[in-house]
Protein backbone atom coordinates (compact mmCIF):
# COMPACT_ATOMS: atom_id res chain seq x y z
CA MET A 1 -18.70 38.06 -13.76
CA THR A 2 -20.63 40.75 -15.62
CA ARG A 3 -24.64 40.14 -15.54
CA ILE A 4 -26.23 40.96 -18.39
CA GLY A 5 -30.11 41.57 -18.70
CA ILE A 6 -32.78 43.49 -20.80
CA VAL A 7 -32.76 47.24 -20.07
CA ALA A 8 -35.36 48.21 -22.64
CA THR A 9 -37.98 46.91 -24.87
CA GLY A 10 -39.41 48.26 -28.25
CA SER A 11 -42.07 47.15 -31.08
CA TYR A 12 -43.23 48.39 -34.20
CA LEU A 13 -46.53 47.00 -35.79
CA PRO A 14 -47.87 48.31 -39.22
CA GLU A 15 -51.02 50.55 -39.18
CA THR A 16 -52.86 48.38 -41.60
CA VAL A 17 -55.12 45.92 -39.82
CA VAL A 18 -56.02 42.95 -41.82
CA GLY A 19 -59.26 41.12 -40.35
CA ASN A 20 -60.21 37.49 -40.55
CA GLU A 21 -62.79 38.28 -43.36
CA GLU A 22 -60.15 39.48 -45.82
CA ILE A 23 -58.21 36.28 -45.16
CA ALA A 24 -60.75 34.01 -45.02
CA ARG A 25 -62.20 34.84 -48.57
CA GLY A 26 -58.96 34.00 -50.18
CA ALA A 27 -58.42 30.51 -48.01
CA GLY A 28 -61.84 29.20 -48.25
CA VAL A 29 -62.79 29.37 -44.75
CA SER A 30 -64.70 31.50 -42.41
CA ASP A 31 -64.02 34.11 -39.71
CA GLU A 32 -65.18 31.79 -37.12
CA TRP A 33 -63.00 28.73 -38.46
CA ILE A 34 -60.05 30.85 -38.28
CA VAL A 35 -60.71 32.00 -34.46
CA ARG A 36 -61.66 28.23 -33.66
CA LYS A 37 -58.77 26.90 -35.03
CA THR A 38 -55.98 29.56 -34.14
CA GLY A 39 -57.42 32.24 -31.58
CA ILE A 40 -56.40 35.08 -34.08
CA ARG A 41 -58.94 37.70 -35.11
CA GLU A 42 -56.52 40.32 -37.16
CA ARG A 43 -53.00 40.84 -37.95
CA ARG A 44 -50.98 43.76 -39.26
CA ARG A 45 -49.54 44.01 -42.93
CA ALA A 46 -46.65 46.14 -43.67
CA ASP A 47 -46.84 49.13 -46.07
CA ASP A 48 -45.66 48.32 -49.62
CA ARG A 49 -42.75 50.97 -49.47
CA ASP A 50 -41.48 49.05 -46.13
CA ALA A 51 -38.95 46.21 -45.89
CA THR A 52 -38.00 44.32 -42.94
CA SER A 53 -35.07 46.68 -42.17
CA ASP A 54 -37.71 49.48 -41.81
CA LEU A 55 -39.81 47.68 -39.40
CA ALA A 56 -36.69 46.64 -37.27
CA ALA A 57 -35.32 50.05 -37.29
CA ARG A 58 -38.47 51.55 -35.80
CA ALA A 59 -38.57 49.03 -33.06
CA ALA A 60 -34.96 49.66 -32.39
CA LEU A 61 -35.39 53.40 -31.83
CA ALA A 62 -38.40 52.49 -29.57
CA ALA A 63 -36.19 50.41 -27.17
CA LEU A 64 -33.21 52.99 -27.46
CA GLU A 65 -35.76 55.82 -26.55
CA GLN A 66 -37.29 54.04 -23.47
CA ALA A 67 -33.79 53.34 -22.29
CA LYS A 68 -32.50 57.09 -23.11
CA VAL A 69 -29.41 55.36 -25.05
CA ARG A 70 -27.73 56.98 -28.03
CA PRO A 71 -27.45 54.81 -31.12
CA GLU A 72 -23.90 55.46 -31.22
CA ASP A 73 -23.53 53.78 -27.86
CA VAL A 74 -24.54 50.39 -29.34
CA ALA A 75 -21.78 47.73 -29.70
CA TYR A 76 -23.71 45.05 -31.38
CA ILE A 77 -26.96 44.69 -33.46
CA VAL A 78 -28.12 40.82 -33.71
CA LEU A 79 -31.35 40.78 -36.00
CA ALA A 80 -33.33 37.61 -36.35
CA THR A 81 -35.26 37.27 -39.31
CA SER A 82 -36.30 34.87 -42.06
CA THR A 83 -37.64 37.35 -44.57
CA PRO A 84 -34.36 39.53 -45.01
CA ASP A 85 -34.54 42.57 -47.17
CA HIS A 86 -32.17 40.87 -49.63
CA PRO A 87 -30.24 37.47 -49.73
CA GLN A 88 -27.24 39.54 -49.03
CA PRO A 89 -26.05 41.98 -47.46
CA ALA A 90 -27.33 41.17 -43.85
CA THR A 91 -30.32 42.96 -43.06
CA ALA A 92 -28.74 44.18 -39.92
CA SER A 93 -26.24 46.31 -41.55
CA ILE A 94 -29.03 48.32 -43.27
CA VAL A 95 -30.57 48.73 -39.63
CA GLN A 96 -27.37 49.94 -38.44
CA HIS A 97 -27.47 52.50 -41.29
CA LEU A 98 -30.85 53.58 -40.47
CA ILE A 99 -30.69 54.19 -36.87
CA GLY A 100 -27.25 55.65 -36.93
CA ALA A 101 -25.65 52.95 -34.90
CA VAL A 102 -22.12 53.75 -36.27
CA ASN A 103 -20.11 51.88 -33.75
CA ALA A 104 -22.30 48.64 -33.72
CA ALA A 105 -21.03 45.31 -35.40
CA ALA A 106 -24.30 43.97 -37.17
CA PHE A 107 -25.25 40.60 -38.31
CA ASP A 108 -28.30 38.42 -38.73
CA ILE A 109 -29.30 35.34 -37.36
CA ASN A 110 -31.99 32.90 -39.15
CA ALA A 111 -33.63 30.35 -36.75
CA VAL A 112 -37.19 31.25 -38.24
CA CYS A 113 -39.54 31.60 -35.50
CA SER A 114 -37.03 30.82 -32.73
CA GLY A 115 -34.66 33.45 -33.98
CA PHE A 116 -35.06 36.22 -31.42
CA VAL A 117 -34.35 33.53 -28.74
CA TYR A 118 -31.26 32.61 -30.45
CA ALA A 119 -30.19 36.08 -31.09
CA THR A 120 -30.49 36.95 -27.38
CA THR A 121 -28.30 34.08 -26.52
CA VAL A 122 -25.48 35.17 -28.92
CA ALA A 123 -25.76 38.69 -27.80
CA GLU A 124 -25.79 37.81 -24.21
CA ARG A 125 -22.54 35.93 -24.72
CA LEU A 126 -21.05 38.66 -26.53
CA LEU A 127 -21.85 41.38 -23.98
CA ARG A 128 -20.61 39.22 -21.01
CA ALA A 129 -17.20 38.93 -22.69
CA ALA A 130 -16.86 42.55 -23.29
CA GLU A 131 -16.18 45.60 -21.12
CA GLU A 132 -18.75 46.46 -18.74
CA GLY A 133 -21.20 49.27 -19.86
CA ARG A 134 -21.68 48.15 -23.53
CA TYR A 135 -25.06 47.73 -25.09
CA ALA A 136 -26.59 45.16 -27.62
CA LEU A 137 -29.81 45.53 -29.74
CA VAL A 138 -31.43 42.42 -30.33
CA ILE A 139 -34.26 42.55 -32.69
CA GLY A 140 -36.76 40.27 -34.30
CA ALA A 141 -38.42 41.26 -37.54
CA ASP A 142 -40.49 39.54 -40.25
CA ILE A 143 -42.81 40.47 -43.00
CA TYR A 144 -44.38 37.31 -43.66
CA SER A 145 -47.32 38.99 -46.00
CA ARG A 146 -44.72 38.88 -48.83
CA ILE A 147 -44.25 35.17 -48.79
CA LEU A 148 -47.61 33.63 -48.05
CA ASP A 149 -49.78 31.75 -50.71
CA TYR A 150 -53.24 33.40 -49.65
CA SER A 151 -55.06 30.47 -51.03
CA ASP A 152 -53.30 28.19 -48.44
CA ARG A 153 -55.47 28.06 -45.29
CA LYS A 154 -52.70 26.21 -43.33
CA THR A 155 -50.60 29.29 -43.66
CA ALA A 156 -52.23 32.29 -44.77
CA ILE A 157 -54.51 32.56 -41.61
CA LEU A 158 -51.69 32.58 -39.33
CA PHE A 159 -49.04 35.41 -40.10
CA GLY A 160 -48.84 38.94 -39.47
CA ASP A 161 -45.88 41.60 -40.00
CA GLY A 162 -44.21 43.58 -37.17
CA ALA A 163 -40.88 43.85 -35.24
CA GLY A 164 -39.64 43.85 -31.69
CA ALA A 165 -36.48 44.78 -29.91
CA VAL A 166 -34.68 44.66 -26.61
CA LEU A 167 -31.76 46.51 -25.57
CA LEU A 168 -29.52 44.24 -23.39
CA GLY A 169 -26.91 46.08 -20.99
CA THR A 170 -25.49 45.45 -17.65
CA VAL A 171 -27.64 45.05 -14.91
CA PRO A 172 -27.64 44.44 -11.05
CA GLU A 173 -25.99 40.84 -9.93
CA SER A 174 -29.48 39.70 -8.75
CA CYS A 175 -31.19 40.38 -12.16
CA GLY A 176 -30.47 39.48 -15.74
CA ILE A 177 -30.43 36.32 -17.76
CA ARG A 178 -29.84 33.31 -15.84
CA GLU A 179 -29.79 30.49 -18.28
CA THR A 180 -30.52 30.04 -21.96
CA SER A 181 -31.18 26.68 -24.03
CA LEU A 182 -30.89 26.14 -27.90
CA LEU A 183 -31.88 22.96 -29.66
CA THR A 184 -32.25 22.04 -33.30
CA ARG A 185 -33.67 18.84 -34.68
CA GLY A 186 -32.48 19.10 -38.39
CA ASP A 187 -33.98 15.75 -39.52
CA GLN A 188 -37.20 17.44 -39.25
CA TYR A 189 -36.31 20.74 -41.42
CA ARG A 190 -38.79 19.82 -43.97
CA LEU A 191 -41.77 20.61 -41.84
CA ILE A 192 -41.48 24.49 -42.45
CA SER A 193 -39.78 25.79 -45.60
CA VAL A 194 -39.43 28.36 -48.48
CA PRO A 195 -38.20 25.93 -51.41
CA ALA A 196 -36.85 28.17 -53.92
CA GLY A 197 -34.67 31.26 -53.81
CA GLY A 198 -31.51 29.69 -52.53
CA SER A 199 -28.64 27.58 -53.73
CA ARG A 200 -30.60 24.27 -53.71
CA LEU A 201 -33.29 25.73 -56.00
CA PRO A 202 -32.50 29.00 -57.46
CA ALA A 203 -35.74 31.07 -58.41
CA ASN A 204 -36.87 30.73 -62.12
CA ASP A 205 -40.00 30.76 -64.27
CA ARG A 206 -40.73 27.13 -63.09
CA THR A 207 -40.29 27.84 -59.51
CA LEU A 208 -42.62 30.92 -59.86
CA GLN A 209 -45.19 29.15 -61.72
CA GLU A 210 -45.27 26.45 -58.89
CA GLY A 211 -45.44 28.82 -56.02
CA ALA A 212 -42.16 27.22 -54.80
CA HIS A 213 -41.04 30.77 -53.07
CA PHE A 214 -44.22 30.87 -50.97
CA PHE A 215 -43.87 29.71 -47.34
CA ARG A 216 -44.76 26.02 -46.73
CA MET A 217 -45.73 24.26 -43.42
CA ASP A 218 -47.04 20.69 -42.52
CA GLY A 219 -49.17 22.09 -39.41
CA ARG A 220 -49.64 18.57 -38.05
CA GLY A 221 -46.06 17.72 -38.05
CA VAL A 222 -45.22 21.09 -36.31
CA ARG A 223 -48.01 20.37 -33.73
CA SER A 224 -46.21 17.25 -32.76
CA PHE A 225 -42.67 18.62 -32.81
CA VAL A 226 -43.84 21.39 -30.44
CA GLN A 227 -45.49 18.85 -28.05
CA ASP A 228 -42.69 16.52 -27.99
CA ASN A 229 -39.92 19.17 -27.70
CA LEU A 230 -40.90 22.46 -26.08
CA PRO A 231 -42.02 21.12 -22.52
CA SER A 232 -38.99 18.84 -22.13
CA ALA A 233 -36.84 21.81 -23.32
CA LEU A 234 -38.09 23.99 -20.82
CA HIS A 235 -38.06 21.64 -18.11
CA GLU A 236 -34.51 20.95 -18.72
CA LEU A 237 -33.65 24.49 -18.75
CA LEU A 238 -35.30 25.10 -15.30
CA ASP A 239 -33.75 22.21 -13.89
CA ARG A 240 -30.15 23.30 -15.04
CA ALA A 241 -30.94 26.84 -13.75
CA GLY A 242 -32.15 25.30 -10.14
CA VAL A 243 -35.40 27.34 -10.44
CA ASP A 244 -38.61 25.53 -9.27
CA ARG A 245 -41.67 25.77 -11.54
CA GLU A 246 -43.60 27.91 -9.09
CA GLN A 247 -40.99 30.67 -9.34
CA VAL A 248 -41.59 31.48 -12.90
CA ARG A 249 -44.22 34.37 -13.01
CA HIS A 250 -44.08 35.08 -16.76
CA PHE A 251 -44.17 32.97 -19.71
CA VAL A 252 -43.78 34.68 -23.08
CA PRO A 253 -43.92 32.16 -26.09
CA HIS A 254 -43.60 32.29 -29.60
CA GLN A 255 -47.05 33.52 -30.76
CA ALA A 256 -47.58 30.46 -33.28
CA ASN A 257 -51.22 29.70 -32.67
CA GLY A 258 -53.51 30.10 -29.59
CA VAL A 259 -55.14 26.82 -29.72
CA MET A 260 -51.78 24.99 -29.93
CA LEU A 261 -50.42 26.99 -27.10
CA GLY A 262 -53.45 26.21 -24.89
CA GLU A 263 -53.07 22.59 -25.55
CA VAL A 264 -49.31 22.37 -24.57
CA TRP A 265 -49.65 24.73 -21.66
CA PRO A 266 -50.42 22.18 -19.25
CA GLU A 267 -47.54 20.22 -19.96
CA ILE A 268 -45.36 23.10 -19.47
CA GLY A 269 -46.42 23.04 -15.77
CA LEU A 270 -45.77 26.70 -14.59
CA PRO A 271 -48.46 26.74 -11.80
CA ARG A 272 -48.01 30.62 -10.89
CA ALA A 273 -46.94 31.93 -14.21
CA THR A 274 -49.09 34.11 -16.66
CA MET A 275 -48.92 33.19 -20.20
CA HIS A 276 -48.85 36.30 -22.10
CA LEU A 277 -50.47 36.42 -25.50
CA ALA A 278 -50.85 38.95 -28.05
CA LEU A 279 -51.77 36.62 -31.13
CA GLU A 280 -55.48 37.66 -31.17
CA ARG A 281 -54.79 41.01 -32.32
CA TYR A 282 -51.51 40.62 -34.06
CA GLY A 283 -51.26 36.91 -35.31
CA ASN A 284 -47.96 35.00 -35.63
CA THR A 285 -45.19 37.56 -36.34
CA GLY A 286 -42.56 35.14 -36.85
CA SER A 287 -39.15 36.04 -35.12
CA ALA A 288 -40.96 39.31 -33.80
CA SER A 289 -43.65 37.64 -31.91
CA VAL A 290 -41.63 37.06 -28.57
CA PRO A 291 -40.29 40.65 -28.39
CA VAL A 292 -43.42 42.26 -29.54
CA THR A 293 -45.29 40.39 -26.88
CA LEU A 294 -42.69 41.16 -24.32
CA ASP A 295 -42.82 44.90 -25.35
CA LEU A 296 -46.40 45.07 -25.05
CA ALA A 297 -46.49 43.34 -21.46
CA HIS A 298 -43.66 45.48 -20.15
CA ARG A 299 -45.15 48.78 -21.43
CA GLN A 300 -48.66 47.73 -19.51
CA GLY A 301 -46.59 47.46 -16.31
CA GLU A 302 -47.05 43.48 -16.09
CA PHE A 303 -43.38 42.75 -14.76
CA ALA A 304 -42.14 43.70 -11.42
CA ASP A 305 -38.43 43.93 -10.59
CA GLY A 306 -36.96 40.72 -9.79
CA GLU A 307 -39.81 38.58 -11.10
CA THR A 308 -38.54 35.69 -13.17
CA VAL A 309 -39.61 35.64 -16.73
CA LEU A 310 -39.27 32.73 -19.20
CA MET A 311 -39.31 33.55 -22.99
CA ALA A 312 -39.35 30.42 -25.37
CA GLY A 313 -39.47 30.20 -29.21
CA PHE A 314 -40.06 27.59 -31.66
CA GLY A 315 -39.88 27.05 -35.48
CA GLY A 316 -38.19 26.15 -38.71
CA GLY A 317 -35.01 24.01 -38.48
CA MET A 318 -36.70 22.71 -36.43
CA THR A 319 -35.61 24.85 -33.66
CA VAL A 320 -36.49 25.40 -29.93
CA GLY A 321 -34.97 28.25 -27.75
CA ALA A 322 -35.54 29.47 -24.41
CA VAL A 323 -34.28 32.37 -22.12
CA LEU A 324 -34.73 32.49 -18.51
CA THR A 325 -34.35 36.05 -17.09
CA GLN A 326 -34.97 37.85 -13.72
CA TRP A 327 -36.60 41.11 -14.58
CA ALA A 328 -34.02 44.10 -14.15
CA PRO A 329 -34.96 47.61 -13.21
CA THR A 330 -35.34 49.73 -16.28
CA ALA A 331 -35.49 53.65 -17.09
CA PHE A 332 -39.06 53.11 -18.20
CA ALA A 333 -41.80 54.42 -15.72
CA ARG A 334 -44.58 51.82 -16.18
CA PRO A 335 -48.06 52.75 -16.11
CA ARG A 336 -48.98 50.89 -13.01
CA GLU A 337 -46.24 52.69 -11.06
CA GLN A 338 -47.68 56.06 -12.32
CA GLU A 339 -50.94 55.31 -11.23
CA LEU A 340 -49.85 54.15 -7.57
CA SER A 341 -47.76 57.19 -7.38
CA ALA A 342 -50.88 59.39 -8.37
CA VAL A 343 -53.30 57.84 -5.87
CA GLY A 344 -50.64 58.13 -3.03
């Protein structure tokens, strides 16, 4: 059976930095309050001229460049986003055009902040069934700054804009994706929503006046959902894969809230793992948060070949997703290796 794994990573984060002071003024809180509640100090904001497809395309090209793979060699583009360019067509189609991946089938997935993990699972299955040597781009991209009510302290303080990508391809049998897990609790779908703009509640003057096109979240309900569902989902995945908790060396979670992740971390119970966090500088970037954090860690030389990496997302729907992978050798020369080589 063909083994599929991550062969490259990429990300794009807008240049505009938005500190807590700016967010705090509109939300009626302080910089200190935001840090204490979330661990976030700043986030990035997309240029007014950019849409989600623009950020996604830049992250995708960064991954392709790292792998030295041509866009026309990509067979699939699976884009996870809950802030698409338009209700239709799929934003992935626009990304395909922007990067010149003329041979790729392209489509979107919306599982909100679990989207990247869901998309990775789908792309891995597609490649496993395809002929060996094909590639899939999996992208997570969101521009939440366009759908936030900046007077709502529950949401305005959390989110930033960004995009992350991985290139999946054939890897050695000892590496690659070992197991995945997807979970949906639709009975709790009301915890996270953008009420207006769809077929249930089309946008009109009344919905605009009511702010129904803004992102809404029941913070306490989301925290309870994560505590009740994330640890058990990860334990079930590891048990199914036959992997001991001590074998996991890296945990890359959705960057929802640093304080909440700190609270749930002991329950996850990975005694030898490093939990990678990028939210202090970039906030919660929605579907992008897992691949952005993964790319930053990879480019800093954090992952050694063969190490066990666990990625996890959780978000609206309500959804939980996880991917367990053995890190595969990549074409990217990591900084740590370069430094050791120079010393030698």
